[in-house]
Amino acid sequence: MVQAIITIGEHEDRILNIVKGKFGLKNKSDAINAIIQKYEQEWLEPELRPEFVEKIKSLETKGKFTHYKSLSALRKDIENA
């Protein structure tokens, strides 16, 4: 575990206390960890979100993709395009 001394403003301290209370966390360190995890989920290369998976599935059912039985059939289609 890494320990760090940080300097935050009064407003940021209030936010940490709100997060700590809202999620029933023991201390501000847990609140910072919760905020970091939420940030990671929302902004840093998230896994496929359910909305995205649903969008791809709907595209598959609407027939926007062409299915090829073999690589040679794909090549033939590309060459004749």
Protein backbone atom coordinates (compact mmCIF):
# COMPACT_ATOMS: atom_id res chain seq x y z
CA MET A 1 0.00 0.00 0.00
CA VAL A 2 1.25 3.44 -0.92
CA GLN A 3 0.86 6.30 1.50
CA ALA A 4 0.68 9.91 0.40
CA ILE A 5 0.31 13.27 2.04
CA ILE A 6 -1.98 15.48 -0.01
CA THR A 7 -3.15 19.05 0.28
CA ILE A 8 -6.78 19.68 -0.60
CA GLY A 9 -9.00 22.68 -0.30
CA GLU A 10 -11.91 23.15 2.07
CA HIS A 11 -14.47 22.43 -0.65
CA GLU A 12 -12.73 19.20 -1.66
CA ASP A 13 -12.62 18.17 2.01
CA ARG A 14 -16.38 18.67 2.24
CA ILE A 15 -16.86 16.54 -0.88
CA LEU A 16 -14.78 13.76 0.67
CA ASN A 17 -16.91 13.91 3.82
CA ILE A 18 -20.09 13.69 1.74
CA VAL A 19 -18.77 10.68 -0.17
CA LYS A 20 -17.63 9.09 3.06
CA GLY A 21 -21.05 9.53 4.64
CA LYS A 22 -23.08 8.60 1.56
CA PHE A 23 -21.33 5.26 1.10
CA GLY A 24 -20.73 4.51 4.77
CA LEU A 25 -16.96 4.53 4.48
CA LYS A 26 -14.65 4.45 7.49
CA ASN A 27 -12.29 7.26 6.54
CA LYS A 28 -11.33 9.77 3.88
CA SER A 29 -8.79 7.37 2.41
CA ASP A 30 -11.64 4.98 1.58
CA ALA A 31 -13.57 7.91 0.09
CA ILE A 32 -10.64 8.81 -2.15
CA ASN A 33 -10.36 5.18 -3.26
CA ALA A 34 -14.09 5.09 -4.07
CA ILE A 35 -13.80 8.27 -6.14
CA ILE A 36 -10.79 6.89 -8.01
CA GLN A 37 -12.61 3.63 -8.78
CA LYS A 38 -15.64 5.54 -10.06
CA TYR A 39 -13.39 7.71 -12.22
CA GLU A 40 -11.70 4.63 -13.63
CA GLN A 41 -15.04 3.03 -14.53
CA GLU A 42 -16.36 6.13 -16.22
CA TRP A 43 -13.33 7.59 -17.99
CA LEU A 44 -10.38 5.22 -18.24
CA GLU A 45 -10.91 2.55 -20.89
CA PRO A 46 -14.01 0.96 -19.43
CA GLU A 47 -15.04 -2.53 -20.37
CA LEU A 48 -17.85 -2.78 -22.84
CA ARG A 49 -20.83 -1.02 -21.36
CA PRO A 50 -24.21 -2.73 -21.58
CA GLU A 51 -25.52 0.09 -23.80
CA PHE A 52 -22.73 -0.51 -26.30
CA VAL A 53 -23.28 -4.27 -26.31
CA GLU A 54 -27.00 -3.73 -26.94
CA LYS A 55 -26.20 -1.34 -29.80
CA ILE A 56 -23.93 -3.90 -31.46
CA LYS A 57 -26.52 -6.65 -31.02
CA SER A 58 -29.18 -4.46 -32.61
CA LEU A 59 -26.86 -3.78 -35.56
CA GLU A 60 -26.36 -7.53 -36.00
CA THR A 61 -30.10 -8.21 -36.07
CA LYS A 62 -30.83 -5.36 -38.51
CA GLY A 63 -28.56 -6.94 -41.11
CA LYS A 64 -25.96 -4.21 -41.47
CA PHE A 65 -23.24 -6.85 -41.57
CA THR A 66 -22.48 -9.28 -44.38
CA HIS A 67 -21.64 -12.81 -43.36
CA TYR A 68 -19.10 -14.75 -45.43
CA LYS A 69 -18.72 -18.50 -45.35
CA SER A 70 -15.04 -18.34 -46.21
CA LEU A 71 -12.16 -15.97 -46.61
CA SER A 72 -12.12 -16.58 -50.35
CA ALA A 73 -15.74 -15.38 -50.61
CA LEU A 74 -14.76 -12.17 -48.80
CA ARG A 75 -11.78 -11.66 -51.11
CA LYS A 76 -13.97 -12.21 -54.17
CA ASP A 77 -16.48 -9.63 -52.92
CA ILE A 78 -13.71 -7.09 -52.22
CA GLU A 79 -12.07 -7.61 -55.60
CA ASN A 80 -15.39 -7.18 -57.45
CA ALA A 81 -16.36 -4.03 -55.55
